[in-house]
């Protein structure tokens, strides 16, 4: 029997590899020995139309899967399986794009900015990321970030700190590591609420264990030292004398003093006030070395504060001095010259040429005056803290009064900084309590 040996099933045939001696070509399905059921093998093929070819891994206009089997039935089953497989084949879903820690934190920073976080705080966040997090963890998939990654990075920062000390550089202490961790935790809290980052609501920073930082004692000046500082500033006729009065009296921040404008002030004798509005430009802060006009640090930072008569008088004297500077400028440049630089800015503290004080220059001036007064050196921002601690130690203010004057965001902030500054009040309260107890006991015995 010659010719193709068709099977009982569509697409299934029996073939062999024998060669025609005359032509040298393979017989294929025409081999005369195919009459012997033990000769050759069963082959199958499926002619399919266009679609996704799972074997080639691409789209084809014509798909032709094929194969061999030991029997016609096995060939049919193999062909049916191939048809189902090719029919159901779909192109693989594209791999989800990797969102790195760097990309995710950039999104979180934009969210924080949109929410209205202070520019100085945003700058601090970015500094933490650029110096301590992104160089090592920035390319990691945000979904793969774990508490172990963060703990290892913080441990590495501590090790690097020892090397910095050996090299004569400023170390990175536990307080800085905690500040960096607060930044990471804040940004991850934004990402955890957004399903597109795949964090499933979990903030891994909350699982990190950190050594509690040692809080250094707050270095401040007492009342006598504050008075000596003001006396020295007045003796040298310092141009920022009124600013020092404002900081010591009200506890203003450096940026608030540099951004203070005359329209914020009511200098009525014995009833003066300073209003810090919640508006752009109310503070002048330093962000990456550049002075930036910003809003107050928090919504609660905007307030109206009462001025004492001494500070009010210093501000009135300063306004007369500034008016003299403006007239001297006009005489120097002539009537057709440019306007005084502070003509429209309305800033309270400027140089005689009308240019505003740089906040860093204010800090440098503070250190010069402190050294000239022979006072122990404290950070410039601790002049604000000195104002608060003196109010508490003198008994003229309570913690609540200080919280309102310094415009802290919550009572816990005030307590954390200044609870230790009240020994006199605590001693007086303890004496009053015990005296009352003894009086009560005496009345009971008498009865």
Protein backbone atom coordinates (compact mmCIF):
# COMPACT_ATOMS: atom_id res chain seq x y z
CA UNK A 1 0.00 0.00 0.00
CA UNK A 2 1.41 3.34 -1.04
CA UNK A 3 0.37 6.99 -0.50
CA UNK A 4 -0.30 9.00 2.59
CA UNK A 5 -1.34 7.05 5.59
CA UNK A 6 -4.00 9.29 7.08
CA UNK A 7 -5.12 8.70 10.61
CA UNK A 8 -8.63 8.48 11.79
CA UNK A 9 -8.38 12.02 13.18
CA UNK A 10 -8.02 15.38 11.37
CA UNK A 11 -4.49 16.68 11.16
CA UNK A 12 -2.93 13.34 12.14
CA UNK A 13 -0.78 11.32 9.71
CA UNK A 14 1.82 8.56 9.82
CA UNK A 15 5.22 9.25 8.31
CA UNK A 16 8.72 7.86 8.31
CA UNK A 17 12.22 8.91 7.48
CA UNK A 18 12.93 6.39 4.65
CA UNK A 19 14.68 7.64 1.45
CA UNK A 20 13.80 6.84 -2.19
CA UNK A 21 16.96 5.20 -3.61
CA UNK A 22 16.22 6.55 -7.07
CA UNK A 23 15.74 10.20 -6.18
CA UNK A 24 17.54 10.33 -2.85
CA UNK A 25 14.59 12.15 -1.33
CA UNK A 26 12.63 11.08 1.72
CA UNK A 27 9.41 9.23 1.14
CA UNK A 28 7.60 11.01 3.90
CA UNK A 29 3.96 9.83 3.90
CA UNK A 30 4.48 7.81 0.63
CA UNK A 31 6.83 5.20 2.05
CA UNK A 32 5.70 1.72 0.87
CA UNK A 33 6.62 0.28 4.26
CA UNK A 34 3.97 2.34 5.99
CA UNK A 35 1.62 -0.60 5.46
CA UNK A 36 3.44 -2.10 8.40
CA UNK A 37 1.82 -0.55 11.50
CA UNK A 38 5.13 -0.82 13.32
CA UNK A 39 6.92 1.36 10.74
CA UNK A 40 7.14 5.19 11.04
CA UNK A 41 5.51 7.48 13.61
CA UNK A 42 2.29 9.39 14.03
CA UNK A 43 2.60 13.10 13.39
CA UNK A 44 0.14 15.89 13.96
CA UNK A 45 -0.15 19.52 12.87
CA UNK A 46 -2.67 22.30 13.47
CA UNK A 47 -3.02 25.14 10.98
CA UNK A 48 -4.24 28.15 12.95
CA UNK A 49 -4.87 31.72 11.94
CA UNK A 50 -3.18 34.88 13.27
CA UNK A 51 -2.61 35.31 16.99
CA UNK A 52 -0.12 35.14 19.83
CA UNK A 53 2.36 32.26 19.40
CA UNK A 54 3.37 31.07 22.89
CA UNK A 55 6.31 29.07 21.48
CA UNK A 56 7.79 32.00 19.56
CA UNK A 57 6.76 34.56 22.17
CA UNK A 58 5.40 36.95 19.56
CA UNK A 59 2.42 37.69 17.32
CA UNK A 60 2.26 35.64 14.10
CA UNK A 61 0.03 35.91 11.06
CA UNK A 62 -0.01 32.09 10.78
CA UNK A 63 0.52 29.59 13.56
CA UNK A 64 1.40 25.92 12.86
CA UNK A 65 2.15 23.89 15.97
CA UNK A 66 3.16 20.28 15.27
CA UNK A 67 4.62 17.19 16.92
CA UNK A 68 4.85 13.38 16.97
CA UNK A 69 3.29 10.65 19.10
CA UNK A 70 3.40 6.90 19.56
CA UNK A 71 -0.19 6.35 18.37
CA UNK A 72 -2.93 8.09 16.45
CA UNK A 73 -4.94 8.63 19.62
CA UNK A 74 -1.98 10.20 21.43
CA UNK A 75 -1.34 12.42 18.39
CA UNK A 76 -4.95 13.61 18.40
CA UNK A 77 -4.80 14.42 22.09
CA UNK A 78 -1.54 16.30 21.65
CA UNK A 79 -3.02 18.26 18.73
CA UNK A 80 -6.12 19.14 20.74
CA UNK A 81 -4.00 20.35 23.63
CA UNK A 82 -1.94 22.51 21.30
CA UNK A 83 -5.03 24.04 19.74
CA UNK A 84 -6.44 24.92 23.14
CA UNK A 85 -3.09 26.31 24.27
CA UNK A 86 -2.64 28.49 21.21
CA UNK A 87 -6.27 29.58 21.23
CA UNK A 88 -6.10 30.74 24.87
CA UNK A 89 -2.63 32.26 24.62
CA UNK A 90 -2.43 35.97 25.40
CA UNK A 91 0.52 38.33 25.27
CA UNK A 92 2.11 38.59 28.74
CA UNK A 93 1.10 41.57 30.79
CA UNK A 94 3.81 44.22 30.76
CA UNK A 95 5.82 44.19 33.95
CA UNK A 96 4.69 46.81 36.44
CA UNK A 97 7.08 49.76 36.29
CA UNK A 98 9.44 49.87 39.24
CA UNK A 99 8.88 52.84 41.51
CA UNK A 100 12.13 53.48 43.33
CA UNK A 101 12.48 54.96 46.78
CA UNK A 102 13.86 58.09 45.11
CA UNK A 103 10.80 58.47 42.86
CA UNK A 104 8.29 57.66 45.60
CA UNK A 105 9.83 60.07 48.10
CA UNK A 106 9.84 62.81 45.45
CA UNK A 107 6.08 62.27 45.05
CA UNK A 108 5.61 62.34 48.83
CA UNK A 109 7.60 65.58 49.08
CA UNK A 110 5.30 67.18 46.49
CA UNK A 111 2.30 66.02 48.50
CA UNK A 112 3.74 67.55 51.66
CA UNK A 113 4.40 70.79 49.81
CA UNK A 114 0.83 70.85 48.48
CA UNK A 115 -0.44 70.29 52.02
CA UNK A 116 1.37 73.47 53.06
CA UNK A 117 4.36 72.21 55.03
CA UNK A 118 6.73 75.08 55.85
CA UNK A 119 9.48 75.62 53.31
CA UNK A 120 12.12 75.38 56.01
CA UNK A 121 10.74 71.98 57.05
CA UNK A 122 10.64 70.82 53.43
CA UNK A 123 14.25 71.91 53.02
CA UNK A 124 15.20 69.95 56.14
CA UNK A 125 13.39 66.88 54.77
CA UNK A 126 15.26 67.16 51.48
CA UNK A 127 18.59 67.58 53.25
CA UNK A 128 17.96 64.41 55.25
CA UNK A 129 17.11 62.49 52.09
CA UNK A 130 20.03 63.80 50.03
CA UNK A 131 22.65 63.23 52.72
CA UNK A 132 21.51 60.08 54.50
CA UNK A 133 18.90 58.06 52.57
CA UNK A 134 18.86 58.40 48.79
CA UNK A 135 22.57 57.74 48.04
CA UNK A 136 22.24 54.25 49.58
CA UNK A 137 18.54 53.33 49.26
CA UNK A 138 17.34 55.59 46.44
CA UNK A 139 17.38 52.92 43.70
CA UNK A 140 15.57 50.28 45.76
CA UNK A 141 12.00 49.38 44.76
CA UNK A 142 9.74 51.15 47.26
CA UNK A 143 7.76 47.89 47.66
CA UNK A 144 10.94 46.09 48.72
CA UNK A 145 11.89 48.65 51.38
CA UNK A 146 11.80 47.10 54.86
CA UNK A 147 12.49 48.14 58.43
CA UNK A 148 15.72 46.12 58.20
CA UNK A 149 16.94 48.36 55.36
CA UNK A 150 16.35 51.47 57.46
CA UNK A 151 17.91 50.02 60.60
CA UNK A 152 20.98 48.94 58.64
CA UNK A 153 21.27 52.42 57.15
CA UNK A 154 21.01 54.10 60.55
CA UNK A 155 23.66 51.76 61.94
CA UNK A 156 25.87 52.69 59.00
CA UNK A 157 25.38 56.39 59.76
CA UNK A 158 26.55 55.75 63.32
CA UNK A 159 29.65 53.96 62.04
CA UNK A 160 30.37 56.77 59.60
CA UNK A 161 30.02 59.24 62.48
CA UNK A 162 32.99 57.66 64.26
CA UNK A 163 35.07 58.09 61.12
CA UNK A 164 33.98 61.74 60.92
CA UNK A 165 35.17 62.34 64.48
CA UNK A 166 38.52 60.70 63.68
CA UNK A 167 38.86 63.03 60.71
CA UNK A 168 38.13 66.08 62.84
CA UNK A 169 34.67 66.61 61.38
CA UNK A 170 31.36 67.15 63.14
CA UNK A 171 29.76 63.82 64.13
CA UNK A 172 26.21 62.73 63.31
CA UNK A 173 24.55 62.00 66.62
CA UNK A 174 21.48 60.06 67.71
CA UNK A 175 19.37 63.22 67.55
CA UNK A 176 20.16 63.61 63.84
CA UNK A 177 19.37 59.95 63.15
CA UNK A 178 16.02 60.38 64.89
CA UNK A 179 15.34 63.50 62.81
CA UNK A 180 16.15 61.58 59.61
CA UNK A 181 13.87 58.77 60.73
CA UNK A 182 11.03 61.21 61.41
CA UNK A 183 11.42 62.46 57.85
CA UNK A 184 11.31 58.93 56.42
CA UNK A 185 8.31 57.99 58.56
CA UNK A 186 6.43 61.14 57.54
CA UNK A 187 6.97 60.52 53.82
CA UNK A 188 6.14 56.82 54.06
CA UNK A 189 2.88 57.70 55.80
CA UNK A 190 1.89 59.56 52.63
CA UNK A 191 2.83 56.64 50.38
CA UNK A 192 1.16 54.01 52.58
CA UNK A 193 -2.23 55.63 51.97
CA UNK A 194 -1.86 55.43 48.18
CA UNK A 195 -2.53 52.03 46.58
CA UNK A 196 -0.41 52.72 43.50
CA UNK A 197 2.78 52.26 45.54
CA UNK A 198 1.83 48.74 46.66
CA UNK A 199 2.57 49.28 50.36
CA UNK A 200 -0.88 47.99 51.38
CA UNK A 201 -1.27 50.66 54.02
CA UNK A 202 1.86 49.66 55.92
CA UNK A 203 4.50 52.15 57.01
CA UNK A 204 7.63 50.08 57.58
CA UNK A 205 9.30 52.97 59.40
CA UNK A 206 6.98 52.31 62.34
CA UNK A 207 8.67 48.92 62.83
CA UNK A 208 12.15 50.42 63.24
CA UNK A 209 13.77 50.22 66.68
CA UNK A 210 16.03 53.16 67.53
CA UNK A 211 18.10 54.01 70.57
CA UNK A 212 16.46 56.87 72.44
CA UNK A 213 18.51 60.03 71.91
CA UNK A 214 20.16 61.74 74.83
CA UNK A 215 18.67 65.18 75.10
CA UNK A 216 21.38 67.68 75.88
CA UNK A 217 20.58 70.31 78.52
CA UNK A 218 19.11 73.46 77.01
CA UNK A 219 21.76 76.17 77.18
CA UNK A 220 20.10 79.47 78.02
CA UNK A 221 20.82 82.79 79.69
CA UNK A 222 19.18 83.90 82.92
CA UNK A 223 17.60 87.29 83.47
CA UNK A 224 20.83 88.99 84.47
CA UNK A 225 22.61 87.70 81.37
CA UNK A 226 19.76 88.79 79.10
CA UNK A 227 19.93 92.24 80.66
CA UNK A 228 23.73 92.36 80.18
CA UNK A 229 23.31 91.47 76.52
CA UNK A 230 20.77 94.27 75.95
CA UNK A 231 22.94 96.74 77.87
CA UNK A 232 25.97 95.93 75.71
CA UNK A 233 23.93 96.17 72.48
CA UNK A 234 22.66 99.58 73.60
CA UNK A 235 26.17 100.69 74.58
CA UNK A 236 27.55 99.99 71.09
CA UNK A 237 24.39 101.47 69.52
CA UNK A 238 23.75 98.23 67.63
CA UNK A 239 21.53 98.58 64.56
CA UNK A 240 19.60 95.49 65.64
CA UNK A 241 18.99 96.67 69.20
CA UNK A 242 15.21 96.78 68.66
CA UNK A 243 15.36 93.27 67.18
CA UNK A 244 17.04 91.91 70.30
CA UNK A 245 14.34 93.51 72.44
CA UNK A 246 11.63 91.91 70.29
CA UNK A 247 13.23 88.45 70.46
CA UNK A 248 13.80 88.60 74.21
CA UNK A 249 10.40 90.10 74.98
CA UNK A 250 8.23 88.00 72.65
CA UNK A 251 10.43 85.01 71.84
CA UNK A 252 10.23 85.52 68.07
CA UNK A 253 12.06 83.28 65.64
CA UNK A 254 14.93 84.68 63.59
CA UNK A 255 12.98 84.43 60.33
CA UNK A 256 9.99 86.23 61.85
CA UNK A 257 12.18 89.12 62.97
CA UNK A 258 13.83 89.39 59.55
CA UNK A 259 10.41 89.34 57.85
CA UNK A 260 8.73 91.78 60.25
CA UNK A 261 7.14 94.79 58.51
CA UNK A 262 6.02 98.13 59.86
CA UNK A 263 2.41 97.46 58.93
CA UNK A 264 2.40 94.54 61.38
CA UNK A 265 3.10 96.93 64.29
CA UNK A 266 0.93 99.14 66.43
CA UNK A 267 3.33 101.28 68.48
CA UNK A 268 0.78 102.97 70.68
CA UNK A 269 2.50 103.70 74.02
CA UNK A 270 1.51 101.21 76.74
CA UNK A 271 -0.75 99.36 74.26
CA UNK A 272 1.54 98.32 71.42
CA UNK A 273 1.04 95.07 69.53
CA UNK A 274 2.80 93.00 66.89
CA UNK A 275 0.65 90.98 64.49
CA UNK A 276 2.32 88.12 62.66
CA UNK A 277 0.00 87.33 59.74
CA UNK A 278 -0.32 83.97 58.05
CA UNK A 279 0.75 85.28 54.66
CA UNK A 280 3.69 84.78 52.26
CA UNK A 281 6.62 87.01 53.12
CA UNK A 282 5.83 87.21 56.82
CA UNK A 283 9.09 85.35 57.50
CA UNK A 284 12.46 85.35 55.74
CA UNK A 285 14.25 82.02 56.08
CA UNK A 286 17.38 80.41 54.64
CA UNK A 287 16.82 77.44 52.34
CA UNK A 288 20.03 75.87 51.00
CA UNK A 289 21.95 79.08 51.51
CA UNK A 290 19.36 81.31 49.84
CA UNK A 291 16.98 83.71 51.58
CA UNK A 292 13.38 82.80 50.84
CA UNK A 293 10.27 84.72 51.82
CA UNK A 294 7.85 82.29 53.39
CA UNK A 295 4.76 81.98 55.55
CA UNK A 296 4.92 81.37 59.30
CA UNK A 297 6.05 77.89 60.30
CA UNK A 298 2.54 76.69 61.18
CA UNK A 299 -0.98 78.12 61.11
CA UNK A 300 -0.67 78.61 64.87
CA UNK A 301 2.44 80.76 64.36
CA UNK A 302 0.22 83.61 63.15
CA UNK A 303 -0.89 85.67 66.14
CA UNK A 304 -1.16 89.11 67.69
CA UNK A 305 1.25 89.65 70.60
CA UNK A 306 1.35 92.46 73.14
CA UNK A 307 4.45 94.65 73.27
CA UNK A 308 5.88 95.89 76.54
CA UNK A 309 6.58 99.64 76.81
CA UNK A 310 10.39 99.22 76.65
CA UNK A 311 10.25 97.22 73.40
CA UNK A 312 7.66 99.63 71.98
CA UNK A 313 9.93 102.57 72.68
CA UNK A 314 12.93 100.81 71.10
CA UNK A 315 10.88 100.17 67.95
CA UNK A 316 9.77 103.84 67.82
CA UNK A 317 13.41 104.93 68.10
CA UNK A 318 14.36 102.42 65.40
CA UNK A 319 11.67 103.80 63.07
CA UNK A 320 13.04 107.34 63.49
CA UNK A 321 16.54 106.05 62.73
CA UNK A 322 15.29 104.25 59.62
CA UNK A 323 13.52 107.38 58.42
CA UNK A 324 16.83 109.22 58.78
CA UNK A 325 18.54 106.54 56.64
CA UNK A 326 15.89 106.95 53.96
CA UNK A 327 16.38 110.73 53.83
CA UNK A 328 20.17 110.34 53.67
CA UNK A 329 19.73 107.93 50.73
CA UNK A 330 17.53 110.42 48.89
CA UNK A 331 20.08 113.19 49.40
CA UNK A 332 22.88 110.93 48.18
CA UNK A 333 21.18 109.74 44.95
CA UNK A 334 19.26 112.93 44.17
CA UNK A 335 15.58 113.41 43.38
CA UNK A 336 15.86 111.52 40.09
CA UNK A 337 17.77 108.57 41.55
CA UNK A 338 16.39 105.13 42.30
CA UNK A 339 14.05 104.74 45.27
CA UNK A 340 15.32 103.54 48.59
CA UNK A 341 15.34 99.70 48.36
CA UNK A 342 13.07 99.37 51.41
CA UNK A 343 10.57 101.95 50.16
CA UNK A 344 7.93 99.37 49.26
CA UNK A 345 9.23 96.33 51.16
CA UNK A 346 8.33 98.03 54.47
CA UNK A 347 10.76 95.79 56.40
CA UNK A 348 11.54 96.84 59.96
CA UNK A 349 15.14 95.63 60.03
CA UNK A 350 17.30 96.73 57.11
CA UNK A 351 20.77 98.19 56.63
CA UNK A 352 21.20 101.97 56.13
CA UNK A 353 21.24 101.38 52.35
CA UNK A 354 17.77 99.79 52.58
CA UNK A 355 18.83 96.22 51.91
CA UNK A 356 17.35 93.60 54.25
CA UNK A 357 19.33 91.72 56.85
CA UNK A 358 20.31 88.18 55.89
CA UNK A 359 19.16 85.82 58.68
CA UNK A 360 22.64 84.29 58.87
CA UNK A 361 24.10 87.79 59.31
CA UNK A 362 21.74 88.33 62.24
CA UNK A 363 23.13 85.15 63.85
CA UNK A 364 26.70 86.30 63.26
CA UNK A 365 25.92 89.69 64.81
CA UNK A 366 24.44 87.95 67.85
CA UNK A 367 27.64 85.98 68.42
CA UNK A 368 29.78 89.13 68.14
CA UNK A 369 27.63 90.96 70.70
CA UNK A 370 27.57 87.98 73.08
CA UNK A 371 31.36 87.77 72.99
CA UNK A 372 31.64 91.52 73.49
CA UNK A 373 29.37 91.32 76.53
CA UNK A 374 31.52 88.53 78.00
CA UNK A 375 28.59 86.11 78.09
CA UNK A 376 28.77 82.31 77.68
CA UNK A 377 28.14 81.42 74.06
CA UNK A 378 24.77 79.90 73.22
CA UNK A 379 23.23 79.17 69.80
CA UNK A 380 21.42 82.24 68.42
CA UNK A 381 18.07 80.38 68.46
CA UNK A 382 18.50 79.85 72.22
CA UNK A 383 17.85 83.54 72.76
CA UNK A 384 14.21 82.60 72.13
CA UNK A 385 14.54 79.71 74.57
CA UNK A 386 16.13 82.04 77.13
CA UNK A 387 13.10 84.30 76.89
CA UNK A 388 10.83 81.35 77.65
CA UNK A 389 12.87 79.87 80.51
CA UNK A 390 13.25 83.26 82.19
CA UNK A 391 9.49 83.79 82.06
CA UNK A 392 8.95 80.43 83.75
CA UNK A 393 11.72 80.72 86.35
CA UNK A 394 10.72 84.24 87.33
CA UNK A 395 7.20 83.04 88.04
CA UNK A 396 5.65 85.62 85.70
CA UNK A 397 4.42 82.97 83.24
CA UNK A 398 2.97 79.49 83.26
CA UNK A 399 3.67 76.79 80.69
CA UNK A 400 0.40 77.70 79.01
CA UNK A 401 1.43 81.36 78.83
CA UNK A 402 4.76 80.40 77.23
CA UNK A 403 3.03 78.07 74.76
CA UNK A 404 0.79 80.92 73.61
CA UNK A 405 3.60 83.48 73.45
CA UNK A 406 5.96 81.19 71.52
CA UNK A 407 3.01 79.86 69.46
CA UNK A 408 3.93 76.20 69.79
CA UNK A 409 1.84 73.70 67.83
CA UNK A 410 0.90 71.72 70.95
CA UNK A 411 1.42 71.81 74.73
CA UNK A 412 3.67 68.73 74.46
CA UNK A 413 6.26 70.81 72.59
CA UNK A 414 6.36 73.39 75.37
CA UNK A 415 6.51 70.73 78.06
CA UNK A 416 9.33 68.85 76.33
CA UNK A 417 11.49 71.97 76.17
CA UNK A 418 10.66 73.87 79.35
CA UNK A 419 9.21 71.59 82.03
CA UNK A 420 12.66 71.48 83.69
CA UNK A 421 12.80 75.28 83.81
CA UNK A 422 10.24 75.55 86.60
CA UNK A 423 12.01 74.43 89.81
CA UNK A 424 11.02 77.56 91.70
CA UNK A 425 7.34 77.18 90.80
CA UNK A 426 7.46 73.46 91.55
CA UNK A 427 9.16 74.11 94.93
CA UNK A 428 6.57 76.73 95.86
CA UNK A 429 3.75 74.38 94.85
CA UNK A 430 5.27 71.55 96.90
CA UNK A 431 5.58 73.81 99.96
CA UNK A 432 1.98 74.96 99.56
CA UNK A 433 0.72 71.40 99.28
CA UNK A 434 2.55 70.18 102.39
CA UNK A 435 1.53 73.28 104.38
CA UNK A 436 -2.10 72.68 103.46
CA UNK A 437 -1.83 69.01 104.48
CA UNK A 438 -0.34 69.98 107.87
CA UNK A 439 -3.03 72.60 108.44
CA UNK A 440 -5.71 70.03 107.62
CA UNK A 441 -4.13 67.56 110.05
CA UNK A 442 -3.97 70.23 112.76
CA UNK A 443 -7.64 71.06 112.32
CA UNK A 444 -8.53 67.37 112.54
CA UNK A 445 -6.54 66.96 115.79
CA UNK A 446 -8.12 70.06 117.25
CA UNK A 447 -11.58 68.77 116.42
